[in-house]
Amino acid sequence: MHHEIIISGFGGQGALFAGQLLAYGALAEGRYVTWIPSYGPEMRGGTANCTVIISDEEIGSPLTRHPTAALVLNLPSFNRFEPLVKKGGILIVNSSLVTTRSQREDIRVEYVPANDIAAELGVVQLANVVMVGVLIAATGMLKPETLDQVLEEHISARHRDKLPLNKQALRRGMELV
C-alpha cells in the first residue's frame, strides 16, 4: 500500500491539520509516513497545502509530482492540483466552494459539500475533517477507529470541546462514499 496525498486550501481551512491527522493515523497503524506543509506568508486566506505519503515500505522521497489523491478545499487548489492527480487516483472536491467540474475520466472524483455539512454540525471549520472522512472511506488507507484515537490524542486543548464534533464530521464524510 502506497498513497501520496495533497491537501490544499486557503490558510485557515485546516489543510495542514487534515494532513497531520492522516500522518498521525499512519504512524499509529505502524506505517511509514511523511508530512510536509507548505504555506504562504499570510496569516489567513493565503495558500496552504501539505503533502502526506503513507506506505507499507520505506519512503524514498517526501515529494510527489503526481499524487494518488488530492483533497481540494477551494477553487485555486482545484485548478492547481486536479491536472496532477495520477491516473487511477482520486480527487475529492469541496463542492460548497468549488462549482467547477473535472473533465478527467481517468480519475475518480468525489464532490463533497464539506462546508455545508460542517455548517450543519455547527462548526464550518470542520469541512477539512469531513473531507478526510471521504478519503479514508474511498481508499481504506486508515481505520476510522485509528483516526478517532488520533483526534483524542492530538486535538489541541483550545479545541478539546470540539472533539465529539470532529468525530461526527469524520463519520459524515465516510457516509458519503
Protein backbone atom coordinates (compact mmCIF):
# COMPACT_ATOMS: atom_id res chain seq x y z
CA MET A 1 0.00 0.00 0.00
CA HIS A 2 1.34 3.40 -1.01
CA HIS A 3 -0.66 6.65 -1.01
CA GLU A 4 0.59 10.10 -1.95
CA ILE A 5 -1.89 12.76 -0.86
CA ILE A 6 -2.03 16.51 -1.35
CA ILE A 7 -4.43 18.55 0.75
CA SER A 8 -4.85 22.16 -0.28
CA GLY A 9 -6.93 25.22 0.51
CA PHE A 10 -6.84 28.72 1.92
CA GLY A 11 -4.97 29.29 5.16
CA GLY A 12 -7.42 28.72 7.99
CA GLN A 13 -9.34 25.92 6.24
CA GLY A 14 -7.42 23.25 8.10
CA ALA A 15 -5.47 21.66 5.24
CA LEU A 16 -2.39 21.23 7.43
CA PHE A 17 -4.41 19.78 10.32
CA ALA A 18 -6.06 17.30 7.95
CA GLY A 19 -2.61 16.21 6.78
CA GLN A 20 -1.41 15.81 10.36
CA LEU A 21 -4.47 13.73 11.15
CA LEU A 22 -3.58 11.34 8.31
CA ALA A 23 0.11 11.29 9.25
CA TYR A 24 -0.53 10.52 12.92
CA GLY A 25 -3.06 7.88 11.87
CA ALA A 26 -0.49 6.18 9.66
CA LEU A 27 2.08 6.24 12.47
CA ALA A 28 -0.46 4.74 14.87
CA GLU A 29 -1.02 1.89 12.41
CA GLY A 30 2.71 1.24 12.11
CA ARG A 31 3.17 2.59 8.58
CA TYR A 32 5.90 4.74 7.11
CA VAL A 33 4.81 8.34 6.68
CA THR A 34 5.99 11.78 5.63
CA TRP A 35 4.16 15.08 6.11
CA ILE A 36 5.38 18.31 4.52
CA PRO A 37 3.48 21.57 4.99
CA SER A 38 3.66 24.48 2.58
CA TYR A 39 2.04 27.85 3.11
CA GLY A 40 2.32 31.46 2.11
CA PRO A 41 3.31 34.32 4.42
CA GLU A 42 -0.30 35.37 5.05
CA MET A 43 -1.86 34.54 8.44
CA ARG A 44 -5.27 33.71 6.95
CA GLY A 45 -6.56 33.50 3.41
CA GLY A 46 -3.28 32.66 1.68
CA THR A 47 -2.50 29.30 0.14
CA ALA A 48 -1.84 26.39 2.48
CA ASN A 49 -1.22 22.82 1.45
CA CYS A 50 0.58 19.74 2.58
CA THR A 51 1.83 16.52 1.13
CA VAL A 52 1.36 13.27 3.03
CA ILE A 53 2.82 9.98 1.93
CA ILE A 54 1.68 6.79 3.64
CA SER A 55 3.33 3.50 2.76
CA ASP A 56 3.94 -0.03 3.97
CA GLU A 57 7.52 0.34 2.75
CA GLU A 58 10.22 2.93 3.35
CA ILE A 59 9.59 6.19 1.52
CA GLY A 60 12.32 7.23 -0.89
CA SER A 61 11.28 10.87 -1.24
CA PRO A 62 8.79 13.00 0.66
CA LEU A 63 7.85 14.85 -2.53
CA THR A 64 5.28 13.93 -5.15
CA ARG A 65 4.62 15.32 -8.60
CA HIS A 66 1.53 13.22 -9.26
CA PRO A 67 -0.40 12.39 -6.09
CA THR A 68 -2.66 9.37 -5.89
CA ALA A 69 -5.16 11.55 -4.02
CA ALA A 70 -5.90 15.26 -3.73
CA LEU A 71 -8.30 16.97 -1.34
CA VAL A 72 -9.05 20.44 -2.67
CA LEU A 73 -10.86 22.85 -0.41
CA ASN A 74 -11.10 25.84 -2.78
CA LEU A 75 -11.03 26.78 -6.47
CA PRO A 76 -7.35 27.78 -6.72
CA SER A 77 -6.42 24.39 -5.25
CA PHE A 78 -8.72 22.62 -7.73
CA ASN A 79 -7.11 24.48 -10.63
CA ARG A 80 -3.61 23.69 -9.43
CA PHE A 81 -3.91 20.04 -8.38
CA GLU A 82 -6.71 18.49 -10.48
CA PRO A 83 -4.43 18.09 -13.53
CA LEU A 84 -1.68 16.50 -11.39
CA VAL A 85 -3.65 13.61 -9.87
CA LYS A 86 -2.22 10.31 -11.04
CA LYS A 87 -4.28 8.26 -13.49
CA GLY A 88 -6.50 5.97 -11.41
CA GLY A 89 -6.23 8.31 -8.42
CA ILE A 90 -8.94 10.17 -6.54
CA LEU A 91 -9.81 13.86 -6.41
CA ILE A 92 -12.02 14.99 -3.54
CA VAL A 93 -13.56 18.41 -4.16
CA ASN A 94 -15.22 20.71 -1.63
CA SER A 95 -18.28 21.41 -3.77
CA SER A 96 -19.50 24.01 -1.27
CA LEU A 97 -16.80 26.33 -2.62
CA VAL A 98 -15.82 24.75 -5.95
CA THR A 99 -18.53 24.61 -8.61
CA THR A 100 -16.14 23.64 -11.40
CA ARG A 101 -16.38 20.03 -12.56
CA SER A 102 -13.41 17.91 -13.53
CA GLN A 103 -13.30 16.89 -17.17
CA ARG A 104 -10.96 13.99 -16.45
CA GLU A 105 -12.28 10.50 -16.96
CA ASP A 106 -9.14 8.69 -15.82
CA ILE A 107 -9.57 9.51 -12.11
CA ARG A 108 -12.30 9.10 -9.52
CA VAL A 109 -13.85 12.39 -8.46
CA GLU A 110 -15.94 12.86 -5.32
CA TYR A 111 -17.82 16.14 -4.92
CA VAL A 112 -18.45 16.80 -1.24
CA PRO A 113 -20.44 19.76 0.14
CA ALA A 114 -17.98 19.83 3.04
CA ASN A 115 -18.67 23.38 4.21
CA ASP A 116 -22.42 22.77 4.14
CA ILE A 117 -22.08 19.56 6.17
CA ALA A 118 -19.75 21.24 8.66
CA ALA A 119 -22.21 24.15 9.00
CA GLU A 120 -24.99 21.64 9.75
CA LEU A 121 -22.78 20.31 12.55
CA GLY A 122 -22.41 23.86 13.83
CA VAL A 123 -18.71 24.43 13.06
CA VAL A 124 -17.83 25.31 9.46
CA GLN A 125 -14.14 24.77 10.26
CA LEU A 126 -14.78 21.01 10.29
CA ALA A 127 -15.02 20.85 6.48
CA ASN A 128 -11.46 19.51 6.39
CA VAL A 129 -12.35 16.58 8.65
CA VAL A 130 -15.41 15.79 6.51
CA MET A 131 -13.05 15.58 3.51
CA VAL A 132 -10.69 13.26 5.41
CA GLY A 133 -13.65 11.00 6.16
CA VAL A 134 -14.43 10.76 2.46
CA LEU A 135 -10.78 9.93 1.69
CA ILE A 136 -10.45 7.11 4.19
CA ALA A 137 -13.80 5.60 3.21
CA ALA A 138 -12.96 5.78 -0.50
CA THR A 139 -9.45 4.32 -0.16
CA GLY A 140 -9.46 2.28 3.05
CA MET A 141 -6.00 3.67 3.79
CA LEU A 142 -6.71 4.05 7.53
CA LYS A 143 -9.18 2.67 10.02
CA PRO A 144 -11.80 5.10 11.37
CA GLU A 145 -11.06 3.93 14.93
CA THR A 146 -7.43 4.94 14.45
CA LEU A 147 -8.44 8.46 13.47
CA ASP A 148 -10.76 8.66 16.48
CA GLN A 149 -7.79 7.77 18.67
CA VAL A 150 -5.57 10.30 16.90
CA LEU A 151 -8.15 13.04 17.38
CA GLU A 152 -8.31 12.25 21.10
CA GLU A 153 -4.54 12.32 21.42
CA HIS A 154 -3.67 15.29 19.22
CA ILE A 155 -6.52 17.78 19.21
CA SER A 156 -5.32 20.94 20.91
CA ALA A 157 -6.58 21.95 24.35
CA ARG A 158 -8.10 25.05 22.76
CA HIS A 159 -10.33 22.85 20.54
CA ARG A 160 -10.92 19.99 23.01
CA ASP A 161 -14.60 20.89 23.31
CA LYS A 162 -15.00 20.13 19.59
CA LEU A 163 -13.68 16.55 19.84
CA PRO A 164 -17.14 14.91 19.54
CA LEU A 165 -17.96 17.16 16.55
CA ASN A 166 -14.68 16.22 14.85
CA LYS A 167 -15.56 12.54 15.19
CA GLN A 168 -19.04 13.26 13.88
CA ALA A 169 -17.61 15.18 10.89
CA LEU A 170 -15.32 12.26 10.11
CA ARG A 171 -18.27 9.84 10.11
CA ARG A 172 -20.43 12.16 7.99
CA GLY A 173 -17.70 12.26 5.36
CA MET A 174 -17.38 8.48 5.42
CA GLU A 175 -21.14 8.07 4.92
CA LEU A 176 -20.97 10.00 1.64
CA VAL A 177 -18.90 7.35 -0.13
